[in-house]
């Protein structure tokens, strides 16, 4: 096999093109060696790709599941739950936003619970019994003093007639809930244990536009007996 090659700076010869003879087997041997190198390189690339595919990876399905679990925990009141995703993932920004939101929500809830506990402590420290009456006439919440004055263990969800307040106060509550023109009422009442109390009913409207009542109860037994003694 003949081939041409450029010849320069040869002693005694001008620059030009030289035709040389190359044995055919030398060419085929070189091509075979080159082909072997190419095939080996290709095999290494394919093998590396196969090994990389076997490495553990975080699938999008797994990431979405983690996000769902974190959101569920937040909705159930677990404000300490954090979402951790690799920084190179497309959801990494979402994880940072979720964690920041969880911190803020946790702080707000803690602040609200703190205020609620302080208000509850203030109401429980009063000598006067207080209760909120729902539109259906049942007690929705109350302070500890009302339990003490009425001699009850629990009043939530009960009608006044089901307590020591009796049918008289129950009638006043029912009438005031129905009469939207009524502003307030004050009544003296004697409880079954013989103590005299002053009961006030003050209406208000909740966020849903429904009429509710604040019931306050104050022990006036000493005052009543003093007045009776003067007379």
Protein backbone atom coordinates (compact mmCIF):
# COMPACT_ATOMS: atom_id res chain seq x y z
CA UNK A 1 0.00 0.00 0.00
CA UNK A 2 1.37 3.40 -0.98
CA UNK A 3 0.83 6.65 0.86
CA UNK A 4 2.07 10.21 0.46
CA UNK A 5 3.67 12.32 3.14
CA UNK A 6 5.17 15.79 3.18
CA UNK A 7 8.96 15.82 3.39
CA UNK A 8 10.74 18.89 4.73
CA UNK A 9 14.32 19.67 5.78
CA UNK A 10 15.75 16.46 4.41
CA UNK A 11 19.56 16.62 3.88
CA UNK A 12 20.41 17.22 0.24
CA UNK A 13 16.76 17.22 -0.89
CA UNK A 14 14.36 20.07 -1.55
CA UNK A 15 11.06 20.25 0.37
CA UNK A 16 8.25 18.33 -1.31
CA UNK A 17 5.92 15.33 -1.14
CA UNK A 18 7.33 11.84 -0.80
CA UNK A 19 5.49 8.68 -1.82
CA UNK A 20 6.32 5.73 0.42
CA UNK A 21 5.26 2.11 0.49
CA UNK A 22 3.58 0.79 3.65
CA UNK A 23 3.05 -2.95 4.14
CA UNK A 24 -0.67 -3.83 4.12
CA UNK A 25 -0.46 -5.93 7.27
CA UNK A 26 1.06 -2.98 9.16
CA UNK A 27 -1.95 -0.83 8.25
CA UNK A 28 -4.50 -3.47 9.23
CA UNK A 29 -2.65 -4.15 12.48
CA UNK A 30 -2.73 -0.46 13.41
CA UNK A 31 -6.42 -0.18 12.53
CA UNK A 32 -7.23 -3.24 14.62
CA UNK A 33 -5.32 -1.78 17.58
CA UNK A 34 -7.13 1.54 17.22
CA UNK A 35 -10.49 -0.21 16.97
CA UNK A 36 -9.69 -2.14 20.15
CA UNK A 37 -8.94 1.12 22.00
CA UNK A 38 -12.26 2.60 20.85
CA UNK A 39 -14.23 -0.48 21.90
CA UNK A 40 -12.50 -0.59 25.28
CA UNK A 41 -13.27 3.08 25.92
CA UNK A 42 -16.89 2.54 24.92
CA UNK A 43 -17.12 -0.45 27.25
CA UNK A 44 -15.75 1.60 30.16
CA UNK A 45 -18.31 4.35 29.52
CA UNK A 46 -21.20 1.86 29.41
CA UNK A 47 -19.98 0.08 32.54
CA UNK A 48 -19.64 3.36 34.45
CA UNK A 49 -23.16 4.37 33.45
CA UNK A 50 -24.52 1.04 34.65
CA UNK A 51 -22.77 1.35 38.01
CA UNK A 52 -24.06 4.90 38.51
CA UNK A 53 -27.60 3.75 37.80
CA UNK A 54 -27.30 1.27 40.67
CA UNK A 55 -26.41 3.96 43.21
CA UNK A 56 -29.27 4.92 45.62
CA UNK A 57 -31.09 8.02 44.47
CA UNK A 58 -33.96 10.09 45.83
CA UNK A 59 -36.87 9.68 43.44
CA UNK A 60 -39.45 12.45 42.90
CA UNK A 61 -42.09 10.15 44.39
CA UNK A 62 -40.09 9.81 47.60
CA UNK A 63 -39.55 13.56 47.79
CA UNK A 64 -43.25 14.30 47.34
CA UNK A 65 -44.06 11.75 50.04
CA UNK A 66 -41.69 13.48 52.46
CA UNK A 67 -43.28 16.84 51.71
CA UNK A 68 -46.77 15.38 52.22
CA UNK A 69 -45.81 13.86 55.57
CA UNK A 70 -44.27 17.14 56.73
CA UNK A 71 -47.37 19.13 55.73
CA UNK A 72 -49.61 16.60 57.49
CA UNK A 73 -47.54 16.88 60.66
CA UNK A 74 -47.77 20.67 60.51
CA UNK A 75 -51.54 20.50 60.09
CA UNK A 76 -51.79 18.21 63.11
CA UNK A 77 -49.92 20.67 65.30
CA UNK A 78 -46.37 19.32 65.10
CA UNK A 79 -44.51 22.59 64.57
CA UNK A 80 -41.10 21.03 65.30
CA UNK A 81 -41.15 18.88 62.14
CA UNK A 82 -38.55 19.92 59.57
CA UNK A 83 -38.13 19.01 55.91
CA UNK A 84 -34.61 18.09 54.77
CA UNK A 85 -33.84 17.74 51.05
CA UNK A 86 -30.49 17.78 49.18
CA UNK A 87 -29.57 21.34 48.13
CA UNK A 88 -29.22 20.28 44.49
CA UNK A 89 -32.83 19.10 44.25
CA UNK A 90 -35.52 21.21 42.62
CA UNK A 91 -37.58 21.02 45.84
CA UNK A 92 -34.79 22.40 48.03
CA UNK A 93 -36.30 25.91 47.95
CA UNK A 94 -39.66 24.50 48.98
CA UNK A 95 -38.04 22.74 51.93
CA UNK A 96 -36.46 26.00 53.11
CA UNK A 97 -39.80 27.83 52.80
CA UNK A 98 -41.62 25.06 54.69
CA UNK A 99 -39.10 25.07 57.54
CA UNK A 100 -39.30 28.86 57.86
CA UNK A 101 -43.11 28.71 57.85
CA UNK A 102 -43.13 25.98 60.52
CA UNK A 103 -40.93 28.14 62.75
CA UNK A 104 -43.19 31.19 62.33
CA UNK A 105 -46.40 29.22 62.86
CA UNK A 106 -44.93 27.55 65.95
CA UNK A 107 -44.04 30.94 67.42
CA UNK A 108 -47.48 32.39 66.69
CA UNK A 109 -49.26 29.39 68.19
CA UNK A 110 -47.06 29.52 71.28
CA UNK A 111 -47.85 33.22 71.65
CA UNK A 112 -51.60 32.63 71.26
CA UNK A 113 -51.56 29.75 73.73
CA UNK A 114 -49.61 31.89 76.17
CA UNK A 115 -52.18 34.69 75.97
CA UNK A 116 -55.03 32.20 76.27
CA UNK A 117 -53.48 30.66 79.37
CA UNK A 118 -52.97 34.08 80.94
CA UNK A 119 -56.57 35.07 80.23
CA UNK A 120 -57.82 31.76 81.62
CA UNK A 121 -55.75 32.29 84.77
CA UNK A 122 -57.17 35.79 85.16
CA UNK A 123 -60.76 34.56 84.75
CA UNK A 124 -60.22 31.68 87.16
CA UNK A 125 -58.84 34.08 89.76
CA UNK A 126 -62.10 36.07 89.83
CA UNK A 127 -64.64 35.50 92.59
CA UNK A 128 -67.38 36.05 90.03
CA UNK A 129 -68.55 33.07 87.99
CA UNK A 130 -68.55 33.55 84.22
CA UNK A 131 -69.93 31.48 81.34
CA UNK A 132 -70.54 31.81 77.61
CA UNK A 133 -73.94 30.59 76.41
CA UNK A 134 -74.20 29.25 72.86
CA UNK A 135 -77.12 30.02 70.49
CA UNK A 136 -78.73 26.72 71.48
CA UNK A 137 -78.77 27.77 75.14
CA UNK A 138 -75.97 25.46 76.27
CA UNK A 139 -72.84 26.50 78.15
CA UNK A 140 -69.82 26.51 75.85
CA UNK A 141 -67.14 27.63 78.33
CA UNK A 142 -66.84 28.87 81.91
CA UNK A 143 -64.32 29.73 84.60
CA UNK A 144 -63.47 27.81 87.75
CA UNK A 145 -65.43 30.17 90.01
CA UNK A 146 -68.72 29.20 88.35
CA UNK A 147 -68.04 25.55 89.16
CA UNK A 148 -67.42 26.47 92.78
CA UNK A 149 -70.52 28.67 93.10
CA UNK A 150 -72.82 26.09 91.50
CA UNK A 151 -71.19 23.09 93.17
CA UNK A 152 -70.58 21.31 89.87
CA UNK A 153 -67.69 19.34 88.40
CA UNK A 154 -68.32 20.22 84.77
CA UNK A 155 -70.77 22.55 83.02
CA UNK A 156 -69.72 22.55 79.38
CA UNK A 157 -72.51 21.49 77.03
CA UNK A 158 -75.20 21.64 79.72
CA UNK A 159 -78.37 23.73 79.76
CA UNK A 160 -78.99 26.05 82.73
CA UNK A 161 -81.95 23.89 83.77
CA UNK A 162 -79.54 20.96 84.08
CA UNK A 163 -77.53 22.88 86.70
CA UNK A 164 -78.20 24.57 90.03
CA UNK A 165 -79.40 27.63 88.07
CA UNK A 166 -82.72 25.87 87.61
CA UNK A 167 -85.72 26.57 85.36
CA UNK A 168 -85.98 30.28 86.19
CA UNK A 169 -82.56 31.22 84.82
CA UNK A 170 -83.08 28.74 81.98
CA UNK A 171 -86.20 30.69 80.99
CA UNK A 172 -84.32 34.00 81.12
CA UNK A 173 -81.58 32.59 78.87
CA UNK A 174 -84.05 31.21 76.34
CA UNK A 175 -86.02 34.47 76.20
CA UNK A 176 -82.93 36.64 75.72
CA UNK A 177 -81.57 34.44 72.96
CA UNK A 178 -84.85 34.77 71.07
CA UNK A 179 -85.44 38.48 71.75
CA UNK A 180 -82.78 40.32 69.75
CA UNK A 181 -84.01 43.64 71.10
CA UNK A 182 -83.19 42.69 74.69
CA UNK A 183 -79.93 44.23 75.88
CA UNK A 184 -79.31 42.75 79.32
CA UNK A 185 -81.03 41.41 82.40
CA UNK A 186 -80.14 41.28 86.11
CA UNK A 187 -81.81 38.93 88.56
CA UNK A 188 -81.38 37.86 92.17
CA UNK A 189 -81.66 34.12 92.59
CA UNK A 190 -81.40 31.66 95.46
CA UNK A 191 -79.46 28.50 94.72
CA UNK A 192 -80.47 25.08 96.09
CA UNK A 193 -77.78 25.32 98.80
CA UNK A 194 -79.44 28.49 100.14
CA UNK A 195 -76.87 31.00 98.88
CA UNK A 196 -78.10 34.14 97.15
CA UNK A 197 -76.54 35.17 93.85
CA UNK A 198 -76.89 38.04 91.42
CA UNK A 199 -77.06 36.85 87.82
CA UNK A 200 -76.42 39.06 84.80
CA UNK A 201 -77.08 38.11 81.19
CA UNK A 202 -75.41 40.23 78.50
CA UNK A 203 -75.92 39.39 74.79
CA UNK A 204 -73.33 39.65 72.03
CA UNK A 205 -73.00 38.58 68.40
CA UNK A 206 -70.24 36.21 67.29
CA UNK A 207 -68.33 36.30 63.99
CA UNK A 208 -71.00 34.20 62.30
CA UNK A 209 -73.70 36.71 63.28
CA UNK A 210 -75.25 34.40 65.88
CA UNK A 211 -76.55 35.68 69.21
CA UNK A 212 -74.74 34.45 72.31
CA UNK A 213 -74.82 35.42 75.99
CA UNK A 214 -72.34 36.15 78.74
CA UNK A 215 -73.64 34.90 82.07
CA UNK A 216 -72.06 36.30 85.22
CA UNK A 217 -72.88 35.09 88.71
CA UNK A 218 -71.89 36.86 91.92
CA UNK A 219 -72.45 35.63 95.46
CA UNK A 220 -74.46 38.27 97.38
CA UNK A 221 -75.48 36.11 100.33
CA UNK A 222 -73.72 38.29 102.91
CA UNK A 223 -75.19 41.46 101.41
CA UNK A 224 -78.71 39.99 101.35
CA UNK A 225 -78.52 38.86 104.98
CA UNK A 226 -77.17 42.22 106.07
CA UNK A 227 -80.04 44.00 104.36
CA UNK A 228 -82.51 41.59 105.94
CA UNK A 229 -81.00 42.25 109.37
CA UNK A 230 -81.33 46.00 108.92
CA UNK A 231 -84.99 45.66 108.02
